[in-house]
Protein backbone atom coordinates (compact mmCIF):
# COMPACT_ATOMS: atom_id res chain seq x y z
CA MET A 1 0.15 -0.27 0.35
CA ARG A 2 1.30 3.22 -1.10
CA GLN A 3 1.77 5.89 2.11
CA ILE A 4 1.00 9.59 1.65
CA ALA A 5 1.49 12.18 3.60
CA VAL A 6 -0.80 15.37 3.11
CA VAL A 7 0.68 18.41 4.74
CA SER A 8 -2.09 21.22 4.61
CA PHE A 9 -1.21 24.94 5.81
CA GLY A 10 -5.06 25.14 6.80
CA MET A 11 -7.50 24.52 4.31
CA SER A 12 -9.34 22.42 6.64
CA ASP A 13 -12.99 22.25 5.43
CA MET A 14 -11.88 20.99 2.10
CA ILE A 15 -8.60 18.68 2.99
CA ILE A 16 -10.68 16.52 5.37
CA PRO A 17 -13.72 15.97 3.29
CA LEU A 18 -11.46 15.11 0.33
CA LEU A 19 -9.49 12.82 2.27
CA LYS A 20 -12.18 11.24 3.96
CA HIS A 21 -14.31 10.45 0.46
CA PHE A 22 -10.62 9.91 -1.00
CA SER A 23 -10.05 7.04 1.78
CA GLY A 24 -13.38 5.70 1.29
CA HIS A 25 -13.13 5.06 -2.06
CA ASN A 26 -9.52 4.19 -2.41
CA HIS A 27 -7.86 1.21 -0.64
CA ASP A 28 -4.28 0.94 -2.38
CA PHE A 29 -3.57 4.67 -0.78
CA ASN A 30 -2.65 5.06 3.22
CA VAL A 31 -3.09 8.85 3.52
CA THR A 32 -1.75 10.91 6.67
CA LEU A 33 -3.04 14.06 7.03
CA PHE A 34 -0.51 16.64 8.42
CA PHE A 35 -2.02 20.16 9.36
CA ILE A 36 0.45 22.97 9.80
CA TYR A 37 -0.36 25.47 12.61
CA SER A 38 2.13 28.02 14.69
CA GLN A 39 1.31 29.36 18.48
CA ASP A 40 0.34 32.92 16.51
CA ASN A 41 -2.55 31.15 14.36
CA LYS A 42 -4.34 28.54 16.09
CA LYS A 43 -7.68 29.22 14.19
CA GLU A 44 -8.28 28.86 10.51
CA GLY A 45 -11.23 27.32 8.87
CA ILE A 46 -13.27 24.96 11.13
CA VAL A 47 -10.33 24.41 13.14
CA ASN A 48 -10.19 26.54 16.18
CA PHE A 49 -8.00 25.70 19.10
CA SER A 50 -6.67 29.31 20.27
CA SER A 51 -7.72 28.61 23.97
CA VAL A 52 -5.78 25.18 23.78
CA SER A 53 -2.36 25.03 25.38
CA VAL A 54 0.18 23.16 23.09
CA ASN A 55 4.23 22.74 22.72
CA ASN A 56 5.99 23.39 19.39
CA GLY A 57 6.50 20.28 17.33
CA PHE A 58 3.85 17.66 16.86
CA VAL A 59 0.83 17.65 19.11
CA PRO A 60 0.47 14.19 21.19
CA ALA A 61 -2.12 11.99 19.90
CA GLU A 62 -4.24 12.44 23.18
CA LYS A 63 -4.48 16.10 22.98
CA LEU A 64 -6.23 15.89 19.17
CA GLY A 65 -9.18 16.12 20.67
CA GLU A 66 -8.86 19.29 22.28
CA VAL A 67 -7.14 20.61 19.21
CA LEU A 68 -9.57 19.44 16.32
CA GLY A 69 -12.76 18.96 18.55
CA ALA A 70 -15.09 16.30 18.76
CA GLU A 71 -17.24 17.11 15.40
CA ILE A 72 -14.32 16.72 13.42
CA LEU A 73 -12.97 13.26 14.56
CA GLU A 74 -16.48 12.06 14.46
CA TYR A 75 -16.91 12.92 11.06
CA VAL A 76 -13.22 11.32 9.85
CA ASN A 77 -14.26 8.45 11.90
CA HIS A 78 -10.82 6.71 11.45
CA ALA A 79 -11.03 7.00 7.59
CA PHE A 80 -7.45 8.53 7.97
CA LYS A 81 -4.69 9.38 10.33
CA ILE A 82 -4.38 12.96 11.43
CA GLU A 83 -1.39 14.90 13.03
CA VAL A 84 -1.09 18.10 13.96
CA PHE A 85 2.26 20.16 14.12
CA ILE A 86 3.07 23.12 15.71
CA TYR A 87 5.34 26.16 14.60
CA GLN A 88 6.59 29.21 16.97
CA SER A 89 5.36 31.95 14.65
CA GLN A 90 4.58 32.64 10.83
CA ARG A 91 8.01 33.93 10.43
CA PHE A 92 9.90 32.31 7.45
CA ARG A 93 13.18 33.99 8.68
CA SER A 94 13.40 32.28 12.12
CA LEU A 95 16.15 29.91 13.75
CA GLN A 96 13.42 28.29 15.95
CA ASN A 97 11.28 27.46 13.26
CA LEU A 98 14.20 26.15 11.22
CA ALA A 99 14.98 23.66 14.02
CA LEU A 100 11.10 22.81 13.69
CA SER A 101 11.32 22.51 9.99
CA ILE A 102 13.76 19.65 9.86
CA GLN A 103 12.12 17.91 12.79
CA LEU A 104 9.08 17.96 10.45
CA ALA A 105 10.83 16.92 7.26
CA GLY A 106 12.24 13.76 9.34
CA ARG A 107 8.85 12.22 9.54
CA LEU A 108 7.66 13.09 6.47
CA ARG A 109 10.73 11.65 4.53
CA ARG A 110 9.26 8.49 5.54
CA TYR A 111 6.31 8.57 2.91
CA GLY A 112 6.72 7.45 -0.34
CA LEU A 113 5.02 10.86 -1.85
CA ILE A 114 4.16 14.30 -0.13
CA HIS A 115 1.30 16.47 -1.48
CA VAL A 116 1.25 19.61 -0.11
CA ASN A 117 -1.78 21.57 0.47
CA GLY A 118 -1.75 25.21 0.19
CA ILE A 119 1.25 27.45 0.88
CA GLY A 120 2.85 28.57 3.97
CA GLY A 121 6.01 29.99 4.76
CA ALA A 122 7.42 27.22 6.35
CA LEU A 123 7.44 25.53 2.89
CA LEU A 124 10.21 27.49 1.74
CA GLN A 125 11.98 25.94 4.72
CA LEU A 126 10.81 22.35 4.41
CA ILE A 127 11.59 21.88 0.52
CA PRO A 128 15.32 21.91 1.04
CA PHE A 129 15.38 19.02 3.62
CA LEU A 130 12.67 16.93 1.39
CA GLN A 131 15.70 16.36 -1.41
CA LEU A 132 15.14 13.20 -3.41
CA LYS A 133 11.51 12.94 -1.92
CA ARG A 134 8.84 13.39 -4.81
CA TRP A 135 6.45 16.02 -3.99
CA MET A 136 3.01 17.32 -5.08
CA LEU A 137 1.26 20.87 -4.31
CA THR A 138 -2.34 22.08 -4.64
CA VAL A 139 -2.53 25.47 -5.33
CA HIS A 140 -5.69 27.76 -3.78
CA ASP A 141 -4.97 31.35 -4.65
CA TYR A 142 -2.60 31.20 -7.75
CA LYS A 143 -3.14 34.88 -7.46
CA GLN A 144 -3.85 36.94 -4.54
CA HIS A 145 -6.73 38.51 -3.81
CA SER A 146 -7.45 42.37 -4.41
CA GLY A 147 -6.60 44.09 -1.14
CA GLU A 148 -4.50 41.25 0.05
CA GLU A 149 -1.33 40.92 -1.73
CA THR A 150 1.86 40.57 0.34
CA ARG A 151 5.18 41.32 -1.04
CA TRP A 152 6.39 37.57 -0.48
CA GLY A 153 2.96 36.09 -1.69
CA GLY A 154 3.70 36.02 -5.22
CA LYS A 155 7.50 34.84 -4.94
CA ILE A 156 6.66 31.46 -2.66
CA MET A 157 3.84 30.87 -5.01
CA ALA A 158 6.30 30.97 -8.08
CA ILE A 159 9.07 29.07 -6.67
CA SER A 160 6.68 27.04 -5.27
CA LEU A 161 5.13 26.22 -8.58
CA LYS A 162 8.32 25.46 -10.40
CA ARG A 163 10.16 23.27 -7.96
CA ALA A 164 7.13 20.76 -7.11
CA ASP A 165 7.03 17.56 -9.39
CA HIS A 166 3.36 17.82 -9.89
CA VAL A 167 0.96 20.95 -9.34
CA ILE A 168 -3.10 20.39 -8.89
CA ILE A 169 -5.34 23.61 -9.86
CA GLN A 170 -8.75 23.42 -8.48
CA ASN A 171 -10.59 25.73 -10.97
CA GLN A 172 -10.50 26.31 -14.64
CA PRO A 173 -9.72 29.59 -15.05
CA ASP A 174 -6.33 29.30 -12.89
CA TYR A 175 -5.37 26.29 -14.63
CA GLN A 176 -6.01 27.50 -17.90
CA GLU A 177 -3.73 30.91 -16.78
CA ILE A 178 -0.91 28.76 -15.60
CA GLN A 179 -1.06 27.01 -18.64
CA ALA A 180 -0.50 30.16 -20.35
CA HIS A 181 2.10 31.57 -18.31
CA TYR A 182 3.93 28.50 -17.42
CA PRO A 183 4.24 26.48 -20.18
CA GLU A 184 6.79 24.81 -19.18
CA LEU A 185 4.68 23.40 -16.42
CA SER A 186 1.56 21.80 -18.55
CA HIS A 187 3.04 18.39 -18.48
CA LYS A 188 2.75 18.16 -14.47
CA THR A 189 -0.44 20.14 -13.91
CA SER A 190 -4.00 18.73 -13.35
CA PHE A 191 -7.13 19.83 -12.72
CA VAL A 192 -8.82 18.70 -9.48
CA PRO A 193 -11.75 20.39 -7.91
CA PHE A 194 -13.51 19.92 -4.46
CA GLY A 195 -16.69 18.93 -3.76
CA TYR A 196 -19.67 20.13 -1.33
CA LEU A 197 -18.28 20.82 2.21
CA ASP A 198 -20.45 18.29 3.84
CA ILE A 199 -18.65 18.73 6.82
CA TYR A 200 -20.03 21.80 8.14
CA LYS A 201 -23.02 19.57 8.67
CA ALA A 202 -21.56 17.76 11.38
CA PHE A 203 -21.53 21.33 13.40
CA LEU A 204 -25.71 21.44 13.33
CA PRO A 205 -27.10 21.39 16.81
CA LYS A 206 -27.90 17.87 18.11
CA SER A 207 -31.30 19.18 18.98
CA SER A 208 -33.69 21.35 17.44
CA LYS A 209 -34.00 24.80 17.85
CA GLU A 210 -36.29 27.83 16.63
CA GLN A 211 -33.98 29.40 13.87
CA THR A 212 -33.70 33.40 13.06
CA ARG A 213 -35.00 33.34 9.38
CA CYS A 214 -32.75 35.32 6.90
CA ASP A 215 -33.45 35.97 3.34
CA ILE A 216 -30.26 36.66 2.08
CA LEU A 217 -26.71 35.99 3.49
CA PHE A 218 -23.08 36.84 3.31
CA PHE A 219 -21.05 34.62 4.99
CA GLY A 220 -17.09 34.65 4.89
CA ARG A 221 -13.86 36.87 5.78
CA ILE A 222 -14.78 40.27 5.30
CA SER A 223 -12.27 41.97 2.42
CA GLN A 224 -11.96 44.22 -0.59
CA TYR A 225 -12.77 41.52 -3.30
CA LYS A 226 -16.00 40.14 -1.48
CA GLY A 227 -17.68 43.26 -3.62
CA LEU A 228 -19.80 43.61 -0.33
CA GLU A 229 -20.49 47.57 -1.49
CA TYR A 230 -22.37 46.19 -4.67
CA LEU A 231 -24.17 44.23 -2.41
CA LEU A 232 -25.39 47.46 -0.61
CA ASP A 233 -26.22 48.70 -4.05
CA ALA A 234 -28.31 46.39 -5.28
CA LEU A 235 -30.22 46.21 -2.00
CA ASP A 236 -30.97 49.77 -2.71
CA GLU A 237 -32.67 48.97 -6.30
CA LEU A 238 -34.84 46.33 -4.20
CA GLN A 239 -35.79 48.68 -1.75
CA GLN A 240 -36.87 50.68 -4.49
CA LYS A 241 -39.26 47.99 -5.75
CA GLY A 242 -40.95 47.69 -2.69
CA LEU A 243 -38.88 44.55 -1.49
CA THR A 244 -36.86 44.93 2.30
CA PRO A 245 -35.50 41.50 2.73
CA SER A 246 -33.64 40.44 5.72
CA VAL A 247 -30.01 40.56 5.20
CA THR A 248 -27.10 39.07 7.25
CA ILE A 249 -23.26 39.63 6.89
CA ALA A 250 -21.00 37.34 8.91
CA GLY A 251 -17.58 37.09 8.80
CA GLY A 252 -14.23 38.56 10.41
CA GLY A 253 -12.14 41.40 8.88
CA HIS A 254 -11.97 45.27 8.92
CA TYR A 255 -12.97 46.54 5.82
CA ASP A 256 -15.20 48.89 5.46
CA PHE A 257 -17.35 48.31 2.55
CA GLY A 258 -20.23 50.91 3.95
CA VAL A 259 -20.74 49.38 7.20
CA GLY A 260 -23.04 52.28 8.66
CA ARG A 261 -25.18 52.18 5.62
CA PHE A 262 -25.72 48.87 5.85
CA GLN A 263 -26.54 49.20 9.88
CA ALA A 264 -28.96 51.87 8.67
CA LEU A 265 -31.09 49.04 6.84
CA SER A 266 -34.03 48.37 8.46
CA ASP A 267 -33.36 44.64 8.74
CA GLY A 268 -29.52 44.43 8.19
CA ASN A 269 -27.67 42.20 10.78
CA PHE A 270 -23.59 42.95 10.80
CA ILE A 271 -22.01 39.80 12.38
CA ASN A 272 -18.39 41.25 12.46
CA ARG A 273 -16.15 38.43 13.97
CA TYR A 274 -14.82 34.92 13.57
CA ILE A 275 -17.94 32.90 13.22
CA GLU A 276 -17.91 29.46 14.96
CA ASN A 277 -18.77 26.35 13.35
CA GLY A 278 -22.23 25.79 14.81
CA GLU A 279 -23.52 29.30 14.14
CA LEU A 280 -22.05 29.08 11.09
CA ALA A 281 -23.99 25.71 9.94
CA ASP A 282 -27.17 27.23 11.70
CA LEU A 283 -27.08 30.52 9.95
CA ILE A 284 -26.63 28.96 6.43
CA CYS A 285 -29.95 26.69 7.33
CA SER A 286 -31.81 29.71 8.21
CA ALA A 287 -31.22 31.70 4.91
CA LYS A 288 -33.01 31.58 1.43
CA ILE A 289 -30.31 32.64 -0.71
CA VAL A 290 -26.55 32.72 -0.56
CA VAL A 291 -25.09 35.67 -1.84
CA CYS A 292 -21.09 36.15 -3.51
CA PRO A 293 -20.87 39.46 -5.14
CA TYR A 294 -16.86 38.96 -5.44
CA THR A 295 -15.25 41.25 -7.63
CA ASP A 296 -12.40 38.42 -8.12
CA ALA A 297 -12.33 34.77 -7.14
CA THR A 298 -10.55 31.15 -7.01
CA GLN A 299 -12.54 28.19 -6.01
CA SER A 300 -14.75 28.95 -3.23
CA GLY A 301 -15.46 27.21 -0.05
CA VAL A 302 -18.35 29.55 0.45
CA LEU A 303 -20.07 28.56 -2.88
CA MET A 304 -19.19 24.85 -1.77
CA THR A 305 -20.39 25.15 1.65
CA ALA A 306 -23.91 26.57 0.48
CA PHE A 307 -24.25 24.16 -1.84
CA ALA A 308 -23.99 21.36 1.06
CA PHE A 309 -26.96 22.76 2.85
CA ASN A 310 -28.80 23.12 -1.12
CA LYS A 311 -29.05 26.94 -0.74
CA PRO A 312 -29.02 28.69 -3.77
CA VAL A 313 -26.22 31.02 -4.35
CA VAL A 314 -26.34 34.39 -7.02
CA ALA A 315 -22.41 34.80 -7.34
CA THR A 316 -20.35 37.10 -9.62
CA ASP A 317 -19.26 35.68 -12.99
CA VAL A 318 -15.52 35.59 -11.90
CA GLY A 319 -12.77 32.97 -11.03
CA GLY A 320 -14.01 29.35 -9.91
CA PHE A 321 -17.68 30.70 -9.67
CA LYS A 322 -18.13 30.10 -13.56
CA ASP A 323 -17.09 26.71 -13.02
CA ALA A 324 -19.96 25.34 -10.13
CA VAL A 325 -22.78 27.74 -10.88
CA VAL A 326 -24.78 26.80 -13.77
CA ASN A 327 -27.32 29.95 -14.51
CA GLY A 328 -30.71 29.16 -13.39
CA VAL A 329 -29.83 25.54 -12.44
CA ASN A 330 -28.31 25.79 -9.04
CA GLY A 331 -27.92 29.47 -8.79
CA PHE A 332 -27.27 32.91 -10.48
CA LEU A 333 -24.25 33.85 -12.14
CA VAL A 334 -24.38 37.81 -12.64
CA PRO A 335 -21.70 40.30 -13.89
CA PRO A 336 -19.27 41.55 -11.09
CA ARG A 337 -19.46 45.39 -10.24
CA GLN A 338 -22.66 45.56 -11.38
CA ALA A 339 -25.90 46.30 -8.80
CA GLY A 340 -28.68 46.02 -11.27
CA PRO A 341 -28.00 42.32 -12.20
CA LEU A 342 -27.20 41.35 -8.47
CA ALA A 343 -30.79 42.95 -7.42
CA ALA A 344 -32.80 41.14 -10.56
CA ALA A 345 -30.84 37.76 -9.52
CA LEU A 346 -31.91 38.60 -6.03
CA GLU A 347 -35.55 39.68 -6.90
CA THR A 348 -36.24 36.54 -9.04
CA LEU A 349 -35.19 34.06 -5.92
CA LEU A 350 -37.04 36.00 -3.29
CA ILE A 351 -40.28 36.04 -5.16
CA ASP A 352 -40.38 32.68 -6.97
CA SER A 353 -40.50 29.79 -4.16
CA GLU A 354 -41.05 27.23 -6.60
CA LYS A 355 -37.56 28.26 -8.41
CA ARG A 356 -35.68 28.36 -4.81
CA ASP A 357 -37.23 24.77 -4.37
CA GLU A 358 -36.38 23.28 -7.67
CA ILE A 359 -33.01 25.15 -7.62
CA ALA A 360 -32.23 22.96 -3.98
CA GLN A 361 -33.21 20.16 -5.90
CA ASN A 362 -30.96 20.37 -8.44
CA ILE A 363 -28.33 20.91 -5.77
CA GLN A 364 -28.99 18.00 -4.00
CA THR A 365 -28.49 15.64 -7.42
CA HIS A 366 -25.39 17.52 -8.75
CA LYS A 367 -28.23 18.48 -12.07
CA GLY A 368 -25.43 19.54 -14.97
CA LEU A 369 -22.09 19.54 -12.53
CA PRO A 370 -21.55 15.56 -12.23
CA GLN A 371 -17.78 16.54 -11.80
CA PHE A 372 -18.52 17.93 -8.18
CA ARG A 373 -19.35 14.79 -6.90
CA TRP A 374 -16.92 13.02 -4.21
CA ASP A 375 -16.59 9.89 -5.76
CA GLN A 376 -15.35 11.35 -9.39
CA ILE A 377 -13.10 14.08 -7.47
CA ALA A 378 -11.63 10.87 -5.36
CA GLN A 379 -10.99 8.98 -8.73
CA THR A 380 -9.25 11.89 -10.18
CA LEU A 381 -7.05 12.58 -7.33
CA ARG A 382 -5.97 8.78 -7.68
CA GLN A 383 -5.08 9.11 -11.26
CA VAL A 384 -2.83 11.87 -10.17
CA TYR A 385 -1.46 9.59 -7.21
CA GLN A 386 -0.75 6.73 -9.69
CA LYS A 387 1.50 8.92 -11.86
CA PHE A 388 4.03 8.32 -9.03
CA GLN A 389 3.82 4.74 -8.52
């Protein structure tokens, strides 16, 4: 049986479902997931152990329950092994982190293939210590999002793309762009999407409770590229037509998209903080529509989380949204930075309950999008792994 180490710099909400479904469909590969965190970054995606005291290095097996939480361990259900490794900080230039990278690399060298999921500063430290080992990389954000550019982000990406033995891209626009910009990489690049992030269902309350209903929900990090100012313009247009939907914007971040303007709405709810998993699952369940008015994007965990709950999505025609949203089938695609089409799509879903029900059913059956079924994704990933036999 081939031994594979999956080294994940965060991205917990997609890598756990992927490996669970992969392990359930493939018995000739044995996968161990290594989660990489640091003392100054203990919160990402569905994992939040900010209040848990851990030492640097590998977290002892008996403490994994505290770090990952009972819901995650129950969801995984021993389908694959999980290790958690803690760096001192997120700093690349750190002698203490360098010593930790040597420790981590020593464990990783035991595996026949190393699959790195996402990019962190520690990756540049690890690469020299993984010489003679074959490793592949899953890229999440080929280009940095508007308003989130960093000095090192592009450099780390370029180095990682060239040094990896194989590269997985998760949305077609980025896949095509990398093929165009790096023709020398075309022979070692594959497109492998990810499916509905059903792990969020594991955080639903065990007992039923009264939900606060919401017409339109935006959730996720509050950032410049999310296009929330265009959502506000669309809400103004709906109000001019006599529609005053209840709207919730939920997520951490300090970008001012017009917060005062939103809070002045008669039925606007702004939850500006990290949203715990159970609360997020409850918010999605209570919403009629999920909206993604982004100005740029790659693949979207928000979209695939909404689809896990069979929620219609109105998204802009950017990045990976065009891969996964079939207009009028599982949601609506609208042009970015334009309030009018966004308002029109929201209006259709707000007033036509039969259309919402039809779309929900289409999402549940993957109508028009069989490539996002986990069994097919698992088979595609298996074919990539087989290239390293």
